[in-house]
């Protein structure tokens, strides 16, 4: 398999609120909008898409087990930006076994998000 890009689609009942969150809170660039879905660039050729739940192609009632992790260079700077903007903001957590620090929060309609920073050079290069 020769994958050229990656898109994770999130289905929203309140589509406009989902799009506003991705664009205004996460500061992602909108790159494609056919009207029933909007795709935002997270990095390079990786994207997060918002889909109108009533018009999407899958059963969007099941959302369990989805975590959107966004990798950054300085997690503390981003943490300060999210205070007061998101629900259920966790403290910054340290995972010594893999050399990672991150925080978690809830996005629209209960989606889980993580902002993470890898501390080991090999993982920084990989991700």
N, C-alpha and C. Protein backbone atom coordinates (compact mmCIF):
# COMPACT_ATOMS: atom_id res chain seq x y z
N UNK A 1 0.85 -1.18 0.00
CA UNK A 1 0.00 0.00 0.00
C UNK A 1 0.89 1.24 0.00
N UNK A 2 0.64 2.14 -0.92
CA UNK A 2 1.40 3.37 -1.02
C UNK A 2 0.46 4.53 -0.69
N UNK A 3 0.41 4.91 0.58
CA UNK A 3 -0.51 5.95 1.04
C UNK A 3 0.10 7.32 0.79
N UNK A 4 -0.68 8.20 0.16
CA UNK A 4 -0.16 9.53 -0.16
C UNK A 4 -0.60 10.61 0.82
N UNK A 5 -1.67 10.35 1.59
CA UNK A 5 -2.11 11.32 2.59
C UNK A 5 -3.02 10.61 3.58
N UNK A 6 -3.47 11.34 4.62
CA UNK A 6 -4.34 10.75 5.64
C UNK A 6 -5.36 11.79 6.07
N UNK A 7 -6.64 11.37 6.15
CA UNK A 7 -7.72 12.24 6.62
C UNK A 7 -8.50 11.48 7.69
N UNK A 8 -8.71 12.11 8.83
CA UNK A 8 -9.60 11.59 9.86
C UNK A 8 -10.86 12.43 9.82
N UNK A 9 -12.02 11.78 9.61
CA UNK A 9 -13.28 12.50 9.54
C UNK A 9 -14.04 12.38 10.85
N UNK A 10 -14.52 13.50 11.37
CA UNK A 10 -15.35 13.55 12.56
C UNK A 10 -16.75 13.97 12.13
N UNK A 11 -17.75 13.22 12.56
CA UNK A 11 -19.14 13.49 12.20
C UNK A 11 -19.79 14.33 13.29
N UNK A 12 -20.39 15.46 12.89
CA UNK A 12 -20.99 16.39 13.85
C UNK A 12 -22.47 16.60 13.53
N UNK A 13 -23.31 16.50 14.55
CA UNK A 13 -24.71 16.91 14.40
C UNK A 13 -24.77 18.42 14.24
N UNK A 14 -23.96 19.15 15.04
CA UNK A 14 -23.84 20.60 14.90
C UNK A 14 -22.59 20.88 14.07
N UNK A 15 -22.74 20.76 12.77
CA UNK A 15 -21.65 20.88 11.81
C UNK A 15 -20.91 22.21 11.92
N UNK A 16 -21.65 23.30 12.02
CA UNK A 16 -21.02 24.63 12.09
C UNK A 16 -20.14 24.75 13.34
N UNK A 17 -20.62 24.24 14.47
CA UNK A 17 -19.83 24.29 15.70
C UNK A 17 -18.56 23.46 15.56
N UNK A 18 -18.64 22.29 14.93
CA UNK A 18 -17.47 21.46 14.68
C UNK A 18 -16.45 22.16 13.80
N UNK A 19 -16.93 22.80 12.73
CA UNK A 19 -16.03 23.54 11.82
C UNK A 19 -15.38 24.71 12.53
N UNK A 20 -16.15 25.44 13.31
CA UNK A 20 -15.60 26.58 14.05
C UNK A 20 -14.52 26.13 15.03
N UNK A 21 -14.74 24.99 15.70
CA UNK A 21 -13.75 24.45 16.63
C UNK A 21 -12.44 24.13 15.90
N UNK A 22 -12.54 23.42 14.78
CA UNK A 22 -11.34 23.03 14.05
C UNK A 22 -10.59 24.25 13.51
N UNK A 23 -11.34 25.26 13.03
CA UNK A 23 -10.70 26.42 12.44
C UNK A 23 -10.26 27.46 13.48
N UNK A 24 -11.12 27.76 14.43
CA UNK A 24 -10.83 28.86 15.37
C UNK A 24 -10.08 28.41 16.62
N UNK A 25 -10.45 27.27 17.19
CA UNK A 25 -9.79 26.81 18.42
C UNK A 25 -8.48 26.10 18.10
N UNK A 26 -8.51 25.16 17.14
CA UNK A 26 -7.29 24.43 16.78
C UNK A 26 -6.44 25.16 15.73
N UNK A 27 -6.99 26.21 15.16
CA UNK A 27 -6.29 27.03 14.15
C UNK A 27 -5.84 26.21 12.93
N UNK A 28 -6.70 25.29 12.49
CA UNK A 28 -6.39 24.49 11.31
C UNK A 28 -6.88 25.21 10.05
N UNK A 29 -6.14 25.04 8.98
CA UNK A 29 -6.43 25.70 7.71
C UNK A 29 -7.48 24.91 6.92
N UNK A 30 -8.62 25.54 6.57
CA UNK A 30 -9.59 24.86 5.71
C UNK A 30 -9.03 24.77 4.28
N UNK A 31 -9.13 23.57 3.69
CA UNK A 31 -8.55 23.38 2.35
C UNK A 31 -9.54 22.84 1.32
N UNK A 32 -10.70 22.33 1.78
CA UNK A 32 -11.67 21.76 0.84
C UNK A 32 -13.04 21.81 1.48
N UNK A 33 -14.04 22.26 0.70
CA UNK A 33 -15.39 22.40 1.26
C UNK A 33 -16.44 22.15 0.19
N UNK A 34 -16.93 20.89 0.07
CA UNK A 34 -18.00 20.62 -0.89
C UNK A 34 -19.40 20.94 -0.36
N UNK A 35 -19.48 21.48 0.87
CA UNK A 35 -20.78 21.86 1.42
C UNK A 35 -21.27 20.96 2.53
N UNK A 36 -21.08 19.66 2.43
CA UNK A 36 -21.55 18.72 3.46
C UNK A 36 -20.40 18.22 4.33
N UNK A 37 -19.18 18.60 3.98
CA UNK A 37 -17.99 18.27 4.74
C UNK A 37 -16.97 19.38 4.52
N UNK A 38 -16.09 19.56 5.48
CA UNK A 38 -15.02 20.54 5.32
C UNK A 38 -13.74 19.89 5.83
N UNK A 39 -12.67 19.98 5.03
CA UNK A 39 -11.40 19.35 5.37
C UNK A 39 -10.41 20.44 5.76
N UNK A 40 -9.71 20.19 6.87
CA UNK A 40 -8.73 21.12 7.43
C UNK A 40 -7.36 20.45 7.45
N UNK A 41 -6.34 21.18 7.03
CA UNK A 41 -4.96 20.64 7.05
C UNK A 41 -4.44 20.69 8.48
N UNK A 42 -3.97 19.53 8.97
CA UNK A 42 -3.31 19.52 10.27
C UNK A 42 -1.81 19.66 10.09
N UNK A 43 -1.24 19.03 9.06
CA UNK A 43 0.17 19.18 8.71
C UNK A 43 0.43 18.48 7.39
N UNK A 44 1.29 19.03 6.58
CA UNK A 44 1.67 18.39 5.33
C UNK A 44 0.48 17.84 4.57
N UNK A 45 0.41 16.53 4.47
CA UNK A 45 -0.71 15.86 3.80
C UNK A 45 -1.54 15.06 4.80
N UNK A 46 -1.68 15.59 6.02
CA UNK A 46 -2.56 15.01 7.04
C UNK A 46 -3.67 16.01 7.32
N UNK A 47 -4.88 15.50 7.45
CA UNK A 47 -6.05 16.36 7.54
C UNK A 47 -7.06 15.83 8.55
N UNK A 48 -7.88 16.76 9.07
CA UNK A 48 -9.05 16.40 9.88
C UNK A 48 -10.25 16.98 9.15
N UNK A 49 -11.25 16.15 8.94
CA UNK A 49 -12.44 16.60 8.25
C UNK A 49 -13.64 16.64 9.17
N UNK A 50 -14.48 17.66 9.01
CA UNK A 50 -15.77 17.75 9.69
C UNK A 50 -16.84 17.36 8.68
N UNK A 51 -17.76 16.50 9.10
CA UNK A 51 -18.82 16.02 8.22
C UNK A 51 -20.17 16.30 8.87
N UNK A 52 -21.14 16.75 8.07
CA UNK A 52 -22.51 16.88 8.56
C UNK A 52 -23.03 15.47 8.82
N UNK A 53 -23.35 15.16 10.06
CA UNK A 53 -23.74 13.79 10.43
C UNK A 53 -24.90 13.29 9.59
N UNK A 54 -25.83 14.17 9.25
CA UNK A 54 -27.01 13.75 8.49
C UNK A 54 -26.70 13.45 7.03
N UNK A 55 -25.52 13.84 6.55
CA UNK A 55 -25.20 13.66 5.14
C UNK A 55 -23.97 12.78 4.89
N UNK A 56 -23.34 12.29 5.94
CA UNK A 56 -22.15 11.48 5.79
C UNK A 56 -22.44 10.07 5.31
N UNK A 57 -21.39 9.31 5.10
CA UNK A 57 -21.55 7.98 4.50
C UNK A 57 -21.46 6.82 5.49
N UNK A 58 -21.32 7.10 6.79
CA UNK A 58 -21.29 6.02 7.78
C UNK A 58 -22.25 6.33 8.91
N UNK A 59 -22.52 5.31 9.75
CA UNK A 59 -23.34 5.48 10.95
C UNK A 59 -22.51 6.29 11.94
N UNK A 60 -22.92 7.51 12.19
CA UNK A 60 -22.13 8.39 13.04
C UNK A 60 -22.56 8.37 14.50
N UNK A 61 -23.46 7.51 14.87
CA UNK A 61 -23.90 7.45 16.27
C UNK A 61 -22.84 6.84 17.18
N UNK A 62 -21.99 5.97 16.64
CA UNK A 62 -20.92 5.35 17.43
C UNK A 62 -19.66 6.20 17.35
N UNK A 63 -19.18 6.70 18.50
CA UNK A 63 -17.99 7.54 18.51
C UNK A 63 -16.92 7.01 19.45
N UNK A 64 -17.15 5.95 20.14
CA UNK A 64 -16.23 5.48 21.16
C UNK A 64 -14.86 5.13 20.65
N UNK A 65 -13.86 5.40 21.48
CA UNK A 65 -12.51 4.97 21.19
C UNK A 65 -11.74 5.84 20.22
N UNK A 66 -12.20 7.04 19.93
CA UNK A 66 -11.49 7.92 19.01
C UNK A 66 -10.74 8.98 19.81
N UNK A 67 -9.44 9.10 19.53
CA UNK A 67 -8.61 10.14 20.13
C UNK A 67 -7.83 10.80 19.01
N UNK A 68 -8.00 12.10 18.85
CA UNK A 68 -7.24 12.86 17.86
C UNK A 68 -6.04 13.46 18.59
N UNK A 69 -4.84 13.02 18.23
CA UNK A 69 -3.61 13.51 18.86
C UNK A 69 -2.88 14.43 17.89
N UNK A 70 -2.57 15.62 18.36
CA UNK A 70 -1.87 16.62 17.56
C UNK A 70 -0.49 16.85 18.17
N UNK A 71 0.56 16.69 17.38
CA UNK A 71 1.93 16.80 17.88
C UNK A 71 2.46 18.21 17.65
N UNK A 72 3.05 18.78 18.70
CA UNK A 72 3.59 20.14 18.66
C UNK A 72 5.02 20.14 19.22
N UNK A 73 5.70 21.28 19.11
CA UNK A 73 7.07 21.39 19.61
C UNK A 73 7.16 21.84 21.06
N UNK A 74 6.17 22.60 21.55
CA UNK A 74 6.23 23.08 22.93
C UNK A 74 4.83 23.02 23.54
N UNK A 75 4.56 21.93 24.21
CA UNK A 75 3.21 21.67 24.72
C UNK A 75 2.75 22.73 25.73
N UNK A 76 3.67 23.28 26.51
CA UNK A 76 3.27 24.28 27.50
C UNK A 76 2.68 25.53 26.85
N UNK A 77 3.27 25.97 25.75
CA UNK A 77 2.74 27.15 25.05
C UNK A 77 1.31 26.92 24.59
N UNK A 78 1.05 25.74 24.04
CA UNK A 78 -0.29 25.43 23.55
C UNK A 78 -1.27 25.24 24.70
N UNK A 79 -0.81 24.69 25.79
CA UNK A 79 -1.68 24.51 26.96
C UNK A 79 -2.25 25.86 27.38
N UNK A 80 -1.39 26.86 27.49
CA UNK A 80 -1.84 28.19 27.89
C UNK A 80 -2.90 28.74 26.93
N UNK A 81 -2.76 28.44 25.63
CA UNK A 81 -3.73 28.89 24.63
C UNK A 81 -5.10 28.24 24.80
N UNK A 82 -5.14 27.02 25.32
CA UNK A 82 -6.40 26.27 25.42
C UNK A 82 -7.17 26.55 26.71
N UNK A 83 -6.51 27.12 27.72
CA UNK A 83 -7.19 27.42 28.98
C UNK A 83 -8.37 28.35 28.70
N UNK A 84 -9.56 27.93 29.10
CA UNK A 84 -10.77 28.71 28.91
C UNK A 84 -11.44 28.55 27.55
N UNK A 85 -10.80 27.84 26.62
CA UNK A 85 -11.38 27.66 25.29
C UNK A 85 -12.01 26.30 25.07
N UNK A 86 -11.65 25.31 25.90
CA UNK A 86 -12.11 23.94 25.69
C UNK A 86 -12.66 23.36 26.99
N UNK A 87 -13.43 22.29 26.87
CA UNK A 87 -14.01 21.62 28.03
C UNK A 87 -13.09 20.51 28.52
N UNK A 88 -13.14 20.24 29.81
CA UNK A 88 -12.43 19.12 30.43
C UNK A 88 -10.94 19.13 30.13
N UNK A 89 -10.31 20.28 30.24
CA UNK A 89 -8.87 20.39 30.00
C UNK A 89 -8.11 19.73 31.15
N UNK A 90 -7.28 18.74 30.81
CA UNK A 90 -6.49 18.05 31.83
C UNK A 90 -5.23 18.86 32.15
N UNK A 91 -4.53 18.46 33.18
CA UNK A 91 -3.20 18.99 33.43
C UNK A 91 -2.26 18.38 32.40
N UNK A 92 -1.08 18.95 32.25
CA UNK A 92 -0.07 18.34 31.38
C UNK A 92 0.43 17.08 32.07
N UNK A 93 0.39 15.97 31.34
CA UNK A 93 0.81 14.67 31.89
C UNK A 93 2.14 14.27 31.25
N UNK A 94 2.98 13.59 32.04
CA UNK A 94 4.28 13.12 31.56
C UNK A 94 4.26 11.61 31.47
N UNK A 95 4.70 11.08 30.36
CA UNK A 95 4.80 9.64 30.14
C UNK A 95 6.27 9.32 29.93
N UNK A 96 6.97 9.06 31.05
CA UNK A 96 8.41 8.86 31.01
C UNK A 96 8.83 7.67 30.16
N UNK A 97 7.99 6.62 30.13
CA UNK A 97 8.38 5.40 29.41
C UNK A 97 8.55 5.63 27.91
N UNK A 98 7.82 6.60 27.35
CA UNK A 98 7.97 6.87 25.91
C UNK A 98 8.52 8.28 25.63
N UNK A 99 8.79 9.04 26.68
CA UNK A 99 9.32 10.38 26.48
C UNK A 99 8.30 11.30 25.84
N UNK A 100 7.17 11.48 26.51
CA UNK A 100 6.06 12.26 25.96
C UNK A 100 5.43 13.08 27.06
N UNK A 101 5.03 14.28 26.73
CA UNK A 101 4.17 15.06 27.62
C UNK A 101 3.00 15.55 26.80
N UNK A 102 1.83 15.57 27.43
CA UNK A 102 0.63 15.93 26.68
C UNK A 102 -0.48 16.36 27.62
N UNK A 103 -1.51 16.95 27.02
CA UNK A 103 -2.74 17.26 27.75
C UNK A 103 -3.92 16.87 26.87
N UNK A 104 -5.06 16.69 27.53
CA UNK A 104 -6.27 16.19 26.87
C UNK A 104 -7.42 17.16 27.11
N UNK A 105 -8.39 17.14 26.20
CA UNK A 105 -9.60 17.94 26.36
C UNK A 105 -10.70 17.37 25.49
N UNK A 106 -11.92 17.83 25.74
CA UNK A 106 -13.08 17.43 24.95
C UNK A 106 -13.36 18.48 23.89
N UNK A 107 -13.62 18.00 22.68
CA UNK A 107 -14.05 18.86 21.60
C UNK A 107 -15.56 18.79 21.47
N UNK A 108 -16.11 19.40 20.43
CA UNK A 108 -17.55 19.34 20.22
C UNK A 108 -18.06 17.91 20.13
N UNK A 109 -19.23 17.70 20.71
CA UNK A 109 -19.96 16.43 20.67
C UNK A 109 -19.18 15.28 21.29
N UNK A 110 -18.29 15.61 22.24
CA UNK A 110 -17.63 14.59 23.03
C UNK A 110 -16.38 13.97 22.45
N UNK A 111 -15.89 14.48 21.31
CA UNK A 111 -14.66 13.93 20.76
C UNK A 111 -13.48 14.25 21.68
N UNK A 112 -12.58 13.28 21.83
CA UNK A 112 -11.40 13.46 22.66
C UNK A 112 -10.22 13.92 21.83
N UNK A 113 -9.50 14.92 22.35
CA UNK A 113 -8.31 15.46 21.70
C UNK A 113 -7.14 15.43 22.67
N UNK A 114 -5.95 15.33 22.09
CA UNK A 114 -4.71 15.38 22.85
C UNK A 114 -3.75 16.28 22.09
N UNK A 115 -3.03 17.12 22.82
CA UNK A 115 -1.92 17.87 22.25
C UNK A 115 -0.68 17.31 22.92
N UNK A 116 0.27 16.84 22.12
CA UNK A 116 1.40 16.09 22.65
C UNK A 116 2.73 16.62 22.12
N UNK A 117 3.78 16.39 22.92
CA UNK A 117 5.14 16.73 22.52
C UNK A 117 6.04 15.55 22.83
N UNK A 118 6.72 15.06 21.81
CA UNK A 118 7.69 13.99 22.02
C UNK A 118 9.00 14.61 22.48
N UNK A 119 9.65 13.98 23.44
CA UNK A 119 10.87 14.52 24.03
C UNK A 119 12.13 13.82 23.54
N UNK A 120 12.00 12.62 23.01
CA UNK A 120 13.14 11.85 22.52
C UNK A 120 13.34 12.18 21.04
N UNK A 121 14.59 12.37 20.64
CA UNK A 121 14.91 12.77 19.27
C UNK A 121 14.38 11.79 18.22
N UNK A 122 14.46 10.48 18.47
CA UNK A 122 14.00 9.51 17.47
C UNK A 122 12.51 9.62 17.25
N UNK A 123 11.75 9.87 18.31
CA UNK A 123 10.30 10.02 18.15
C UNK A 123 9.93 11.39 17.58
N UNK A 124 10.71 12.41 17.92
CA UNK A 124 10.48 13.74 17.31
C UNK A 124 10.64 13.64 15.79
N UNK A 125 11.66 12.90 15.37
CA UNK A 125 11.89 12.75 13.93
C UNK A 125 10.80 11.93 13.26
N UNK A 126 10.35 10.88 13.94
CA UNK A 126 9.32 10.00 13.39
C UNK A 126 7.98 10.73 13.26
N UNK A 127 7.59 11.46 14.31
CA UNK A 127 6.29 12.11 14.33
C UNK A 127 6.38 13.61 14.16
